[in-house]
Amino acid sequence: MTFPSTSESINESFNLALRQHLRFYDKTKINWIELPKEHCEFIAMGTGIGAAVRIRQYADYITLEATDNLEEKAKVIGLMCASVYNCLMLSATHEFGFGLSAVDLFENNLKFNYVINTEPSVADPAATIYGWMSYRFKFAAGIAK
């Protein structure tokens, strides 16, 4: 059984689940820093010694079956992404308290992908994997000095 899906409906399902489950995305209480568009390993969280914070990358994926409802699977991966981000923000909040600065999840950062591929490939010569969905984002937190 296949479920008719459009890329827009799948993306909307992911974004809806993500936003429903985010607990630490208050624009008024945290100094949100936009991730630079160019590749970098560190980001400035103020001035002086120790102001540069390492940017870390977080990602996960789920495999898809031919019978999967893609919108429901997108909601699952959205929930997974929100859970990881919530854990990172909770940890940063406990570590840094007031004055927390963190990389904005949505500005130049979050990637959501899905692939439906029933053809044999180098990675899957028997074509046993129908497809996959994944997210990736970068995170850094510190004190704005």
N, C-alpha and C. Protein backbone atom coordinates (compact mmCIF):
# COMPACT_ATOMS: atom_id res chain seq x y z
N MET A 1 0.85 -1.17 0.00
CA MET A 1 0.00 0.00 0.00
C MET A 1 0.90 1.24 0.00
N THR A 2 0.62 2.16 -0.87
CA THR A 2 1.37 3.42 -0.89
C THR A 2 0.42 4.56 -0.54
N PHE A 3 0.98 5.58 0.05
CA PHE A 3 0.21 6.74 0.44
C PHE A 3 0.64 7.91 -0.43
N PRO A 4 -0.29 8.53 -1.15
CA PRO A 4 0.09 9.65 -2.00
C PRO A 4 0.63 10.80 -1.14
N SER A 5 1.78 11.30 -1.51
CA SER A 5 2.42 12.38 -0.76
C SER A 5 3.05 13.35 -1.74
N THR A 6 3.11 14.58 -1.32
CA THR A 6 3.87 15.56 -2.08
C THR A 6 5.04 15.99 -1.21
N SER A 7 6.07 16.50 -1.84
CA SER A 7 7.22 16.95 -1.05
C SER A 7 6.81 18.06 -0.09
N GLU A 8 5.85 18.90 -0.49
CA GLU A 8 5.38 19.96 0.41
C GLU A 8 4.70 19.38 1.64
N SER A 9 3.85 18.38 1.45
CA SER A 9 3.14 17.82 2.60
C SER A 9 4.10 17.09 3.54
N ILE A 10 5.12 16.48 3.00
CA ILE A 10 6.12 15.80 3.84
C ILE A 10 6.93 16.83 4.62
N ASN A 11 7.38 17.89 3.96
CA ASN A 11 8.11 18.95 4.65
C ASN A 11 7.25 19.62 5.71
N GLU A 12 5.99 19.86 5.39
CA GLU A 12 5.07 20.47 6.36
C GLU A 12 4.89 19.57 7.58
N SER A 13 4.79 18.28 7.36
CA SER A 13 4.63 17.34 8.48
C SER A 13 5.85 17.37 9.39
N PHE A 14 7.03 17.39 8.79
CA PHE A 14 8.26 17.48 9.58
C PHE A 14 8.29 18.77 10.40
N ASN A 15 8.06 19.90 9.75
CA ASN A 15 8.10 21.20 10.43
C ASN A 15 7.04 21.32 11.51
N LEU A 16 5.85 20.81 11.25
CA LEU A 16 4.78 20.86 12.24
C LEU A 16 5.15 20.08 13.50
N ALA A 17 5.63 18.86 13.32
CA ALA A 17 6.02 18.04 14.48
C ALA A 17 7.19 18.68 15.23
N LEU A 18 8.15 19.22 14.49
CA LEU A 18 9.30 19.86 15.12
C LEU A 18 8.85 21.03 15.98
N ARG A 19 8.05 21.91 15.42
CA ARG A 19 7.62 23.12 16.16
C ARG A 19 6.69 22.77 17.32
N GLN A 20 5.89 21.72 17.19
CA GLN A 20 5.00 21.31 18.28
C GLN A 20 5.78 20.81 19.48
N HIS A 21 6.94 20.22 19.25
CA HIS A 21 7.67 19.57 20.34
C HIS A 21 8.87 20.37 20.84
N LEU A 22 9.21 21.48 20.21
CA LEU A 22 10.31 22.30 20.72
C LEU A 22 9.89 22.95 22.04
N ARG A 23 10.74 22.88 23.03
CA ARG A 23 10.45 23.47 24.34
C ARG A 23 11.30 24.70 24.62
N PHE A 24 12.39 24.85 23.90
CA PHE A 24 13.35 25.92 24.20
C PHE A 24 13.53 26.83 23.00
N TYR A 25 12.46 27.41 22.52
CA TYR A 25 12.61 28.30 21.39
C TYR A 25 11.88 29.61 21.65
N ASP A 26 12.21 30.23 22.78
CA ASP A 26 11.63 31.51 23.15
C ASP A 26 12.56 32.61 22.66
N LYS A 27 12.09 33.38 21.68
CA LYS A 27 12.93 34.43 21.08
C LYS A 27 13.26 35.54 22.07
N THR A 28 12.55 35.65 23.19
CA THR A 28 12.77 36.75 24.11
C THR A 28 13.76 36.43 25.23
N LYS A 29 13.98 35.17 25.54
CA LYS A 29 14.81 34.81 26.69
C LYS A 29 16.22 34.38 26.34
N ILE A 30 16.48 34.11 25.08
CA ILE A 30 17.78 33.61 24.67
C ILE A 30 18.32 34.49 23.55
N ASN A 31 19.60 34.76 23.61
CA ASN A 31 20.25 35.51 22.54
C ASN A 31 20.56 34.55 21.40
N TRP A 32 19.73 34.57 20.36
CA TRP A 32 19.89 33.63 19.24
C TRP A 32 20.93 34.16 18.27
N ILE A 33 21.85 33.32 17.88
CA ILE A 33 22.92 33.68 16.96
C ILE A 33 22.71 32.93 15.66
N GLU A 34 22.74 33.67 14.57
CA GLU A 34 22.58 33.04 13.25
C GLU A 34 23.88 32.35 12.87
N LEU A 35 23.77 31.13 12.40
CA LEU A 35 24.92 30.36 11.95
C LEU A 35 25.47 31.00 10.68
N PRO A 36 26.78 31.24 10.60
CA PRO A 36 27.34 31.81 9.37
C PRO A 36 27.08 30.90 8.17
N LYS A 37 26.88 31.50 7.02
CA LYS A 37 26.62 30.71 5.81
C LYS A 37 27.85 29.93 5.36
N GLU A 38 29.02 30.48 5.59
CA GLU A 38 30.24 29.76 5.21
C GLU A 38 30.58 28.73 6.28
N HIS A 39 31.29 27.70 5.88
CA HIS A 39 31.68 26.64 6.81
C HIS A 39 32.66 27.18 7.85
N CYS A 40 32.39 26.88 9.11
CA CYS A 40 33.33 27.24 10.17
C CYS A 40 33.17 26.25 11.31
N GLU A 41 34.24 26.10 12.08
CA GLU A 41 34.23 25.17 13.22
C GLU A 41 33.86 25.84 14.52
N PHE A 42 34.10 27.15 14.60
CA PHE A 42 33.85 27.89 15.83
C PHE A 42 32.96 29.09 15.53
N ILE A 43 32.28 29.57 16.58
CA ILE A 43 31.46 30.78 16.45
C ILE A 43 31.73 31.66 17.66
N ALA A 44 31.77 32.97 17.42
CA ALA A 44 32.02 33.92 18.51
C ALA A 44 30.78 34.08 19.37
N MET A 45 30.97 34.00 20.67
CA MET A 45 29.88 34.22 21.63
C MET A 45 30.24 35.41 22.52
N GLY A 46 30.82 36.44 21.95
CA GLY A 46 31.25 37.61 22.70
C GLY A 46 32.67 37.96 22.31
N THR A 47 33.36 38.64 23.20
CA THR A 47 34.74 39.04 22.92
C THR A 47 35.65 38.52 24.02
N GLY A 48 36.94 38.48 23.74
CA GLY A 48 37.92 38.06 24.74
C GLY A 48 38.26 36.59 24.64
N ILE A 49 39.12 36.17 25.57
CA ILE A 49 39.56 34.78 25.61
C ILE A 49 38.38 33.88 25.96
N GLY A 50 38.26 32.79 25.26
CA GLY A 50 37.19 31.85 25.52
C GLY A 50 35.87 32.23 24.87
N ALA A 51 35.89 33.23 24.00
CA ALA A 51 34.66 33.69 23.37
C ALA A 51 34.24 32.81 22.20
N ALA A 52 35.18 32.06 21.65
CA ALA A 52 34.86 31.18 20.52
C ALA A 52 34.37 29.84 21.04
N VAL A 53 33.25 29.38 20.51
CA VAL A 53 32.65 28.11 20.93
C VAL A 53 32.61 27.18 19.74
N ARG A 54 32.97 25.91 19.96
CA ARG A 54 32.95 24.93 18.87
C ARG A 54 31.51 24.64 18.45
N ILE A 55 31.33 24.59 17.14
CA ILE A 55 30.03 24.24 16.56
C ILE A 55 30.02 22.73 16.35
N ARG A 56 29.02 22.08 16.89
CA ARG A 56 28.89 20.63 16.75
C ARG A 56 27.70 20.32 15.85
N GLN A 57 27.79 19.19 15.16
CA GLN A 57 26.73 18.79 14.24
C GLN A 57 25.98 17.59 14.82
N TYR A 58 24.66 17.61 14.67
CA TYR A 58 23.80 16.53 15.16
C TYR A 58 22.90 16.07 14.02
N ALA A 59 22.75 14.76 13.89
CA ALA A 59 21.95 14.21 12.80
C ALA A 59 21.44 12.83 13.19
N ASP A 60 20.37 12.43 12.52
CA ASP A 60 19.84 11.08 12.68
C ASP A 60 18.98 10.76 11.46
N TYR A 61 18.64 9.50 11.31
CA TYR A 61 17.82 9.10 10.16
C TYR A 61 16.94 7.92 10.55
N ILE A 62 15.93 7.67 9.73
CA ILE A 62 15.12 6.47 9.83
C ILE A 62 14.98 5.89 8.43
N THR A 63 14.89 4.58 8.34
CA THR A 63 14.68 3.96 7.03
C THR A 63 13.17 3.88 6.76
N LEU A 64 12.85 3.81 5.49
CA LEU A 64 11.46 3.77 5.06
C LEU A 64 11.15 2.45 4.39
N GLU A 65 9.93 2.01 4.54
CA GLU A 65 9.41 0.84 3.86
C GLU A 65 8.42 1.31 2.81
N ALA A 66 8.13 0.48 1.84
CA ALA A 66 7.20 0.84 0.77
C ALA A 66 5.79 1.11 1.30
N THR A 67 5.45 0.52 2.43
CA THR A 67 4.11 0.68 2.98
C THR A 67 3.99 1.86 3.95
N ASP A 68 5.07 2.58 4.20
CA ASP A 68 5.05 3.67 5.17
C ASP A 68 4.26 4.88 4.68
N ASN A 69 3.58 5.51 5.61
CA ASN A 69 2.94 6.80 5.35
C ASN A 69 4.03 7.85 5.54
N LEU A 70 4.44 8.52 4.49
CA LEU A 70 5.59 9.42 4.55
C LEU A 70 5.34 10.63 5.45
N GLU A 71 4.10 11.14 5.49
CA GLU A 71 3.82 12.25 6.39
C GLU A 71 3.98 11.84 7.85
N GLU A 72 3.53 10.62 8.18
CA GLU A 72 3.68 10.14 9.56
C GLU A 72 5.15 9.92 9.91
N LYS A 73 5.91 9.40 8.98
CA LYS A 73 7.34 9.20 9.22
C LYS A 73 8.05 10.55 9.37
N ALA A 74 7.61 11.55 8.60
CA ALA A 74 8.20 12.90 8.72
C ALA A 74 7.91 13.48 10.11
N LYS A 75 6.73 13.18 10.64
CA LYS A 75 6.42 13.63 12.00
C LYS A 75 7.33 12.95 13.02
N VAL A 76 7.62 11.68 12.80
CA VAL A 76 8.51 10.95 13.71
C VAL A 76 9.91 11.56 13.70
N ILE A 77 10.44 11.84 12.52
CA ILE A 77 11.79 12.40 12.45
C ILE A 77 11.80 13.84 12.98
N GLY A 78 10.69 14.58 12.81
CA GLY A 78 10.57 15.91 13.40
C GLY A 78 10.60 15.86 14.92
N LEU A 79 9.91 14.88 15.49
CA LEU A 79 9.93 14.68 16.94
C LEU A 79 11.33 14.30 17.41
N MET A 80 12.00 13.45 16.67
CA MET A 80 13.37 13.07 17.03
C MET A 80 14.29 14.29 17.05
N CYS A 81 14.18 15.13 16.04
CA CYS A 81 15.00 16.34 15.95
C CYS A 81 14.70 17.27 17.12
N ALA A 82 13.43 17.49 17.41
CA ALA A 82 13.04 18.36 18.53
C ALA A 82 13.58 17.81 19.85
N SER A 83 13.54 16.51 20.03
CA SER A 83 14.02 15.90 21.27
C SER A 83 15.50 16.15 21.49
N VAL A 84 16.29 15.98 20.44
CA VAL A 84 17.73 16.23 20.56
C VAL A 84 17.99 17.70 20.85
N TYR A 85 17.32 18.59 20.12
CA TYR A 85 17.51 20.02 20.33
C TYR A 85 17.09 20.43 21.75
N ASN A 86 15.97 19.89 22.23
CA ASN A 86 15.52 20.19 23.59
C ASN A 86 16.56 19.75 24.62
N CYS A 87 17.15 18.58 24.44
CA CYS A 87 18.18 18.10 25.37
C CYS A 87 19.40 19.02 25.36
N LEU A 88 19.83 19.43 24.17
CA LEU A 88 20.98 20.33 24.07
C LEU A 88 20.69 21.67 24.74
N MET A 89 19.51 22.21 24.50
CA MET A 89 19.15 23.50 25.10
C MET A 89 18.99 23.39 26.62
N LEU A 90 18.42 22.30 27.10
CA LEU A 90 18.28 22.11 28.54
C LEU A 90 19.65 22.05 29.20
N SER A 91 20.55 21.30 28.60
CA SER A 91 21.91 21.21 29.12
C SER A 91 22.61 22.57 29.12
N ALA A 92 22.48 23.31 28.01
CA ALA A 92 23.10 24.63 27.92
C ALA A 92 22.49 25.60 28.94
N THR A 93 21.19 25.51 29.15
CA THR A 93 20.52 26.38 30.12
C THR A 93 21.03 26.10 31.53
N HIS A 94 21.23 24.83 31.86
CA HIS A 94 21.75 24.48 33.18
C HIS A 94 23.21 24.90 33.33
N GLU A 95 23.97 24.79 32.26
CA GLU A 95 25.39 25.14 32.31
C GLU A 95 25.62 26.64 32.35
N PHE A 96 24.87 27.39 31.54
CA PHE A 96 25.16 28.82 31.39
C PHE A 96 24.14 29.73 32.06
N GLY A 97 22.94 29.25 32.33
CA GLY A 97 21.93 30.06 33.00
C GLY A 97 21.53 31.28 32.20
N PHE A 98 21.36 32.40 32.91
CA PHE A 98 20.95 33.64 32.25
C PHE A 98 22.08 34.16 31.36
N GLY A 99 21.73 34.83 30.31
CA GLY A 99 22.73 35.34 29.38
C GLY A 99 23.12 34.33 28.33
N LEU A 100 22.36 33.24 28.23
CA LEU A 100 22.66 32.18 27.27
C LEU A 100 22.56 32.69 25.84
N SER A 101 23.55 32.33 25.04
CA SER A 101 23.50 32.55 23.59
C SER A 101 23.55 31.18 22.95
N ALA A 102 22.77 30.98 21.90
CA ALA A 102 22.76 29.69 21.21
C ALA A 102 22.56 29.91 19.72
N VAL A 103 23.05 28.96 18.93
CA VAL A 103 22.86 29.01 17.49
C VAL A 103 21.39 28.77 17.19
N ASP A 104 20.83 29.63 16.36
CA ASP A 104 19.42 29.53 15.97
C ASP A 104 19.21 28.26 15.15
N LEU A 105 18.22 27.48 15.51
CA LEU A 105 17.93 26.22 14.82
C LEU A 105 17.49 26.44 13.39
N PHE A 106 16.79 27.54 13.13
CA PHE A 106 16.15 27.70 11.84
C PHE A 106 16.91 28.58 10.85
N GLU A 107 17.80 29.44 11.28
CA GLU A 107 18.49 30.35 10.38
C GLU A 107 19.75 29.70 9.80
N ASN A 108 19.73 29.40 8.51
CA ASN A 108 20.88 28.81 7.80
C ASN A 108 21.37 27.52 8.43
N ASN A 109 20.50 26.74 9.02
CA ASN A 109 20.99 25.65 9.84
C ASN A 109 20.31 24.31 9.57
N LEU A 110 19.05 24.19 9.85
CA LEU A 110 18.36 22.90 9.84
C LEU A 110 18.18 22.35 8.43
N LYS A 111 18.52 21.08 8.26
CA LYS A 111 18.33 20.39 6.97
C LYS A 111 17.46 19.16 7.22
N PHE A 112 16.45 18.99 6.39
CA PHE A 112 15.60 17.81 6.42
C PHE A 112 15.63 17.21 5.01
N ASN A 113 15.91 15.92 4.93
CA ASN A 113 15.99 15.25 3.63
C ASN A 113 15.22 13.93 3.68
N TYR A 114 14.72 13.55 2.54
CA TYR A 114 14.19 12.20 2.41
C TYR A 114 14.47 11.72 0.99
N VAL A 115 14.69 10.43 0.89
CA VAL A 115 15.02 9.80 -0.39
C VAL A 115 14.15 8.56 -0.53
N ILE A 116 13.50 8.46 -1.67
CA ILE A 116 12.76 7.26 -2.02
C ILE A 116 13.50 6.66 -3.22
N ASN A 117 14.04 5.47 -3.02
CA ASN A 117 14.87 4.88 -4.06
C ASN A 117 14.66 3.38 -4.07
N THR A 118 14.01 2.89 -5.09
CA THR A 118 13.79 1.45 -5.17
C THR A 118 14.77 0.77 -6.12
N GLU A 119 15.65 1.54 -6.70
CA GLU A 119 16.63 1.00 -7.64
C GLU A 119 17.86 0.47 -6.89
N PRO A 120 18.48 -0.57 -7.40
CA PRO A 120 19.74 -1.03 -6.81
C PRO A 120 20.80 0.07 -6.94
N SER A 121 21.70 0.11 -5.98
CA SER A 121 22.78 1.10 -6.00
C SER A 121 24.05 0.45 -5.46
N VAL A 122 25.13 1.18 -5.49
CA VAL A 122 26.40 0.67 -4.95
C VAL A 122 26.25 0.38 -3.46
N ALA A 123 25.57 1.28 -2.74
CA ALA A 123 25.39 1.11 -1.30
C ALA A 123 24.37 0.02 -0.96
N ASP A 124 23.42 -0.22 -1.87
CA ASP A 124 22.35 -1.20 -1.63
C ASP A 124 22.10 -1.99 -2.92
N PRO A 125 23.02 -2.89 -3.29
CA PRO A 125 22.91 -3.59 -4.57
C PRO A 125 21.67 -4.48 -4.70
N ALA A 126 21.13 -4.92 -3.58
CA ALA A 126 19.94 -5.77 -3.63
C ALA A 126 18.65 -4.94 -3.56
N ALA A 127 18.78 -3.64 -3.47
CA ALA A 127 17.63 -2.73 -3.37
C ALA A 127 16.71 -3.12 -2.21
N THR A 128 17.31 -3.38 -1.05
CA THR A 128 16.53 -3.78 0.13
C THR A 128 16.01 -2.58 0.92
N ILE A 129 16.62 -1.41 0.73
CA ILE A 129 16.19 -0.21 1.45
C ILE A 129 15.34 0.63 0.51
N TYR A 130 14.09 0.81 0.87
CA TYR A 130 13.16 1.58 0.05
C TYR A 130 13.51 3.07 0.06
N GLY A 131 13.91 3.56 1.21
CA GLY A 131 14.25 4.97 1.33
C GLY A 131 14.62 5.33 2.76
N TRP A 132 14.87 6.61 2.99
CA TRP A 132 15.23 7.08 4.32
C TRP A 132 14.84 8.55 4.47
N MET A 133 14.73 9.00 5.72
CA MET A 133 14.52 10.40 6.07
C MET A 133 15.57 10.77 7.10
N SER A 134 16.03 12.01 7.03
CA SER A 134 17.05 12.43 7.98
C SER A 134 16.91 13.92 8.30
N TYR A 135 17.51 14.29 9.42
CA TYR A 135 17.67 15.70 9.76
C TYR A 135 19.13 15.94 10.12
N ARG A 136 19.55 17.18 10.04
CA ARG A 136 20.90 17.58 10.47
C ARG A 136 20.83 19.04 10.89
N PHE A 137 21.44 19.34 12.01
CA PHE A 137 21.58 20.73 12.41
C PHE A 137 22.88 20.89 13.18
N LYS A 138 23.31 22.13 13.30
CA LYS A 138 24.53 22.44 14.03
C LYS A 138 24.11 23.19 15.29
N PHE A 139 24.92 23.01 16.36
CA PHE A 139 24.57 23.62 17.65
C PHE A 139 25.82 24.11 18.35
N ALA A 140 25.68 25.24 18.97
CA ALA A 140 26.71 25.79 19.87
C ALA A 140 25.99 26.69 20.86
N ALA A 141 26.49 26.73 22.07
CA ALA A 141 25.91 27.59 23.09
C ALA A 141 27.00 28.12 24.00
N GLY A 142 26.77 29.27 24.55
CA GLY A 142 27.72 29.89 25.47
C GLY A 142 27.12 31.13 26.10
N ILE A 143 27.96 31.93 26.70
CA ILE A 143 27.53 33.18 27.33
C ILE A 143 27.95 34.33 26.43
N ALA A 144 27.00 35.21 26.13
CA ALA A 144 27.32 36.42 25.38
C ALA A 144 27.98 37.40 26.34
N LYS A 145 29.23 37.74 26.06
CA LYS A 145 29.97 38.63 26.97
C LYS A 145 29.98 40.03 26.44
